[in-house]
N, C-alpha and C. Protein backbone atom coordinates (compact mmCIF):
# COMPACT_ATOMS: atom_id res chain seq x y z
N MET A 1 0.84 -1.19 0.00
CA MET A 1 0.00 0.00 0.00
C MET A 1 0.87 1.24 0.00
N SER A 2 0.44 2.23 -0.74
CA SER A 2 1.22 3.45 -0.82
C SER A 2 0.64 4.51 0.12
N GLU A 3 1.50 5.44 0.49
CA GLU A 3 1.10 6.53 1.37
C GLU A 3 1.23 7.83 0.59
N ILE A 4 0.17 8.64 0.62
CA ILE A 4 0.24 9.96 -0.01
C ILE A 4 -0.16 11.00 1.03
N PHE A 5 0.22 12.23 0.78
CA PHE A 5 -0.09 13.32 1.69
C PHE A 5 -1.17 14.21 1.10
N CYS A 6 -2.00 14.73 1.97
CA CYS A 6 -3.04 15.68 1.60
C CYS A 6 -2.83 16.89 2.49
N ASP A 7 -2.33 17.97 1.91
CA ASP A 7 -1.96 19.16 2.67
C ASP A 7 -3.04 20.23 2.57
N ILE A 8 -3.48 20.72 3.72
CA ILE A 8 -4.47 21.80 3.78
C ILE A 8 -3.69 23.09 3.93
N VAL A 9 -3.83 23.97 2.94
CA VAL A 9 -3.01 25.18 2.89
C VAL A 9 -3.87 26.42 2.65
N PRO A 10 -3.40 27.56 3.16
CA PRO A 10 -4.14 28.80 2.91
C PRO A 10 -3.97 29.24 1.45
N HIS A 11 -4.95 29.95 0.96
CA HIS A 11 -4.95 30.50 -0.39
C HIS A 11 -5.42 31.94 -0.27
N SER A 12 -5.07 32.77 -1.19
CA SER A 12 -5.46 34.18 -1.10
C SER A 12 -6.97 34.37 -1.06
N GLU A 13 -7.71 33.39 -1.55
CA GLU A 13 -9.18 33.49 -1.56
C GLU A 13 -9.85 32.55 -0.57
N GLY A 14 -9.08 31.87 0.29
CA GLY A 14 -9.67 30.95 1.27
C GLY A 14 -8.69 29.85 1.61
N TRP A 15 -9.15 28.59 1.50
CA TRP A 15 -8.35 27.42 1.84
C TRP A 15 -8.52 26.37 0.76
N MET A 16 -7.51 25.53 0.61
CA MET A 16 -7.58 24.42 -0.33
C MET A 16 -6.73 23.28 0.20
N PHE A 17 -6.84 22.12 -0.44
CA PHE A 17 -5.91 21.05 -0.11
C PHE A 17 -5.21 20.61 -1.38
N VAL A 18 -4.01 20.08 -1.19
CA VAL A 18 -3.20 19.58 -2.29
C VAL A 18 -2.91 18.12 -1.98
N SER A 19 -3.27 17.26 -2.92
CA SER A 19 -3.05 15.82 -2.73
C SER A 19 -2.43 15.23 -3.98
N ASP A 20 -1.32 14.58 -3.78
CA ASP A 20 -0.62 13.92 -4.89
C ASP A 20 -0.33 14.92 -6.02
N GLY A 21 -0.02 16.17 -5.63
CA GLY A 21 0.33 17.19 -6.60
C GLY A 21 -0.85 17.89 -7.26
N VAL A 22 -2.07 17.53 -6.89
CA VAL A 22 -3.27 18.11 -7.50
C VAL A 22 -3.97 19.01 -6.48
N GLN A 23 -4.29 20.24 -6.90
CA GLN A 23 -4.98 21.18 -6.03
C GLN A 23 -6.48 20.97 -6.07
N SER A 24 -7.09 21.15 -4.92
CA SER A 24 -8.55 21.09 -4.83
C SER A 24 -9.13 22.44 -5.23
N PRO A 25 -10.44 22.52 -5.35
CA PRO A 25 -11.06 23.84 -5.49
C PRO A 25 -10.77 24.65 -4.22
N ILE A 26 -10.99 25.93 -4.28
CA ILE A 26 -10.76 26.81 -3.12
C ILE A 26 -12.04 26.87 -2.30
N PHE A 27 -11.89 26.74 -0.98
CA PHE A 27 -13.03 26.77 -0.06
C PHE A 27 -12.97 28.06 0.75
N PRO A 28 -14.14 28.62 1.10
CA PRO A 28 -14.15 29.90 1.80
C PRO A 28 -13.66 29.84 3.24
N CYS A 29 -13.65 28.64 3.85
CA CYS A 29 -13.19 28.54 5.24
C CYS A 29 -12.38 27.25 5.44
N TYR A 30 -11.59 27.27 6.49
CA TYR A 30 -10.70 26.16 6.82
C TYR A 30 -11.49 24.86 7.02
N GLN A 31 -12.58 24.92 7.78
CA GLN A 31 -13.36 23.72 8.10
C GLN A 31 -13.88 23.04 6.84
N MET A 32 -14.32 23.81 5.86
CA MET A 32 -14.82 23.22 4.62
C MET A 32 -13.69 22.52 3.86
N ALA A 33 -12.49 23.09 3.88
CA ALA A 33 -11.35 22.45 3.22
C ALA A 33 -10.98 21.14 3.91
N VAL A 34 -11.03 21.13 5.24
CA VAL A 34 -10.72 19.91 5.99
C VAL A 34 -11.76 18.84 5.70
N GLU A 35 -13.03 19.20 5.69
CA GLU A 35 -14.08 18.22 5.40
C GLU A 35 -13.92 17.65 3.99
N ALA A 36 -13.59 18.50 3.03
CA ALA A 36 -13.37 18.02 1.66
C ALA A 36 -12.16 17.10 1.60
N ALA A 37 -11.13 17.42 2.35
CA ALA A 37 -9.94 16.57 2.39
C ALA A 37 -10.27 15.21 2.99
N TYR A 38 -11.12 15.17 4.02
CA TYR A 38 -11.55 13.89 4.59
C TYR A 38 -12.36 13.08 3.58
N ARG A 39 -13.22 13.73 2.83
CA ARG A 39 -13.96 13.01 1.79
C ARG A 39 -13.00 12.44 0.76
N HIS A 40 -12.00 13.23 0.39
CA HIS A 40 -10.97 12.77 -0.54
C HIS A 40 -10.21 11.58 0.06
N ALA A 41 -9.91 11.66 1.35
CA ALA A 41 -9.18 10.58 2.03
C ALA A 41 -9.98 9.29 2.00
N ASN A 42 -11.29 9.40 2.20
CA ASN A 42 -12.13 8.19 2.16
C ASN A 42 -12.12 7.57 0.78
N THR A 43 -12.10 8.39 -0.26
CA THR A 43 -12.01 7.88 -1.63
C THR A 43 -10.68 7.16 -1.84
N GLU A 44 -9.60 7.76 -1.37
CA GLU A 44 -8.28 7.15 -1.52
C GLU A 44 -8.18 5.86 -0.71
N ALA A 45 -8.82 5.80 0.45
CA ALA A 45 -8.78 4.59 1.26
C ALA A 45 -9.44 3.43 0.53
N ARG A 46 -10.49 3.72 -0.22
CA ARG A 46 -11.13 2.67 -1.00
C ARG A 46 -10.21 2.15 -2.10
N ALA A 47 -9.25 2.96 -2.51
CA ALA A 47 -8.28 2.56 -3.52
C ALA A 47 -7.06 1.90 -2.87
N HIS A 48 -7.19 1.53 -1.59
CA HIS A 48 -6.13 0.84 -0.84
C HIS A 48 -4.87 1.67 -0.73
N ARG A 49 -5.05 2.93 -0.44
CA ARG A 49 -3.92 3.83 -0.21
C ARG A 49 -4.09 4.47 1.15
N PHE A 50 -3.00 4.76 1.81
CA PHE A 50 -3.03 5.48 3.07
C PHE A 50 -2.82 6.95 2.76
N LEU A 51 -3.62 7.79 3.37
CA LEU A 51 -3.54 9.21 3.13
C LEU A 51 -3.28 9.92 4.44
N VAL A 52 -2.27 10.75 4.51
CA VAL A 52 -1.92 11.51 5.70
C VAL A 52 -2.39 12.95 5.49
N LEU A 53 -3.30 13.40 6.35
CA LEU A 53 -3.79 14.79 6.27
C LEU A 53 -2.86 15.68 7.09
N ARG A 54 -2.42 16.78 6.47
CA ARG A 54 -1.53 17.71 7.15
C ARG A 54 -2.02 19.14 6.93
N GLU A 55 -1.61 20.03 7.85
CA GLU A 55 -1.90 21.45 7.70
C GLU A 55 -0.61 22.23 7.87
N GLN A 56 -0.56 23.41 7.27
CA GLN A 56 0.62 24.25 7.37
C GLN A 56 0.55 25.07 8.64
N GLY A 57 1.56 24.96 9.50
CA GLY A 57 1.61 25.71 10.74
C GLY A 57 2.12 27.12 10.51
N LEU A 58 2.09 27.92 11.55
CA LEU A 58 2.55 29.30 11.44
C LEU A 58 4.04 29.40 11.11
N ASN A 59 4.79 28.34 11.44
CA ASN A 59 6.22 28.34 11.14
C ASN A 59 6.51 27.86 9.71
N GLY A 60 5.46 27.56 8.93
CA GLY A 60 5.62 27.12 7.55
C GLY A 60 5.77 25.62 7.39
N ARG A 61 5.92 24.89 8.47
CA ARG A 61 6.06 23.44 8.40
C ARG A 61 4.70 22.76 8.37
N MET A 62 4.68 21.57 7.78
CA MET A 62 3.45 20.79 7.72
C MET A 62 3.32 19.94 8.98
N HIS A 63 2.12 19.93 9.58
CA HIS A 63 1.84 19.16 10.79
C HIS A 63 0.67 18.22 10.50
N ALA A 64 0.78 16.98 10.93
CA ALA A 64 -0.30 16.02 10.72
C ALA A 64 -1.51 16.40 11.55
N LEU A 65 -2.70 16.14 11.03
CA LEU A 65 -3.96 16.36 11.75
C LEU A 65 -4.39 15.02 12.35
N THR A 66 -5.04 15.08 13.49
CA THR A 66 -5.67 13.90 14.04
C THR A 66 -7.15 14.19 14.20
N SER A 67 -7.94 13.14 14.25
CA SER A 67 -9.38 13.33 14.34
C SER A 67 -10.01 12.16 15.06
N HIS A 68 -10.96 12.45 15.94
CA HIS A 68 -11.75 11.40 16.57
C HIS A 68 -12.95 11.06 15.69
N ASP A 69 -13.38 12.02 14.93
CA ASP A 69 -14.40 11.79 13.91
C ASP A 69 -14.19 12.86 12.84
N GLU A 70 -14.99 12.87 11.82
CA GLU A 70 -14.76 13.78 10.70
C GLU A 70 -15.10 15.22 11.00
N THR A 71 -15.69 15.51 12.16
CA THR A 71 -16.06 16.89 12.45
C THR A 71 -15.21 17.51 13.55
N THR A 72 -14.44 16.72 14.30
CA THR A 72 -13.62 17.24 15.38
C THR A 72 -12.16 17.10 14.99
N ILE A 73 -11.50 18.20 14.74
CA ILE A 73 -10.13 18.20 14.26
C ILE A 73 -9.24 18.86 15.31
N SER A 74 -8.08 18.29 15.56
CA SER A 74 -7.11 18.94 16.44
C SER A 74 -5.72 18.61 15.95
N GLY A 75 -4.76 19.44 16.28
CA GLY A 75 -3.39 19.20 15.87
C GLY A 75 -2.83 17.97 16.56
N GLY A 76 -1.92 17.27 15.90
CA GLY A 76 -1.33 16.08 16.49
C GLY A 76 -0.15 15.60 15.72
N GLU A 77 0.31 14.41 16.04
CA GLU A 77 1.51 13.89 15.42
C GLU A 77 1.23 12.82 14.39
N ALA A 78 0.12 12.14 14.46
CA ALA A 78 -0.16 11.07 13.50
C ALA A 78 -1.57 11.21 12.98
N ALA A 79 -1.73 11.13 11.67
CA ALA A 79 -3.07 11.23 11.10
C ALA A 79 -3.13 10.44 9.80
N ILE A 80 -3.01 9.15 9.91
CA ILE A 80 -3.15 8.33 8.73
C ILE A 80 -4.59 7.87 8.64
N VAL A 81 -5.24 8.24 7.57
CA VAL A 81 -6.64 7.90 7.37
C VAL A 81 -6.70 6.70 6.45
N HIS A 82 -7.38 5.66 6.88
CA HIS A 82 -7.51 4.48 6.01
C HIS A 82 -8.83 3.80 6.24
């Protein structure tokens, strides 16, 4: 199984995610971008791939997201969605 990253990043018009080099549409708020990234992750999981959701921190580095469910997001160290 392969592992790919899905990065949630700010955009001048809102938020988007980038997965496997492909940009998503732009979302007006962070939460909508995260929810779309989770939907994308579920699609990738069906294709037998592991997807790591990350967000860009204030220091410019990418940090993995963790989640207890698809609506509660908090910063963390491991976030492999499968």
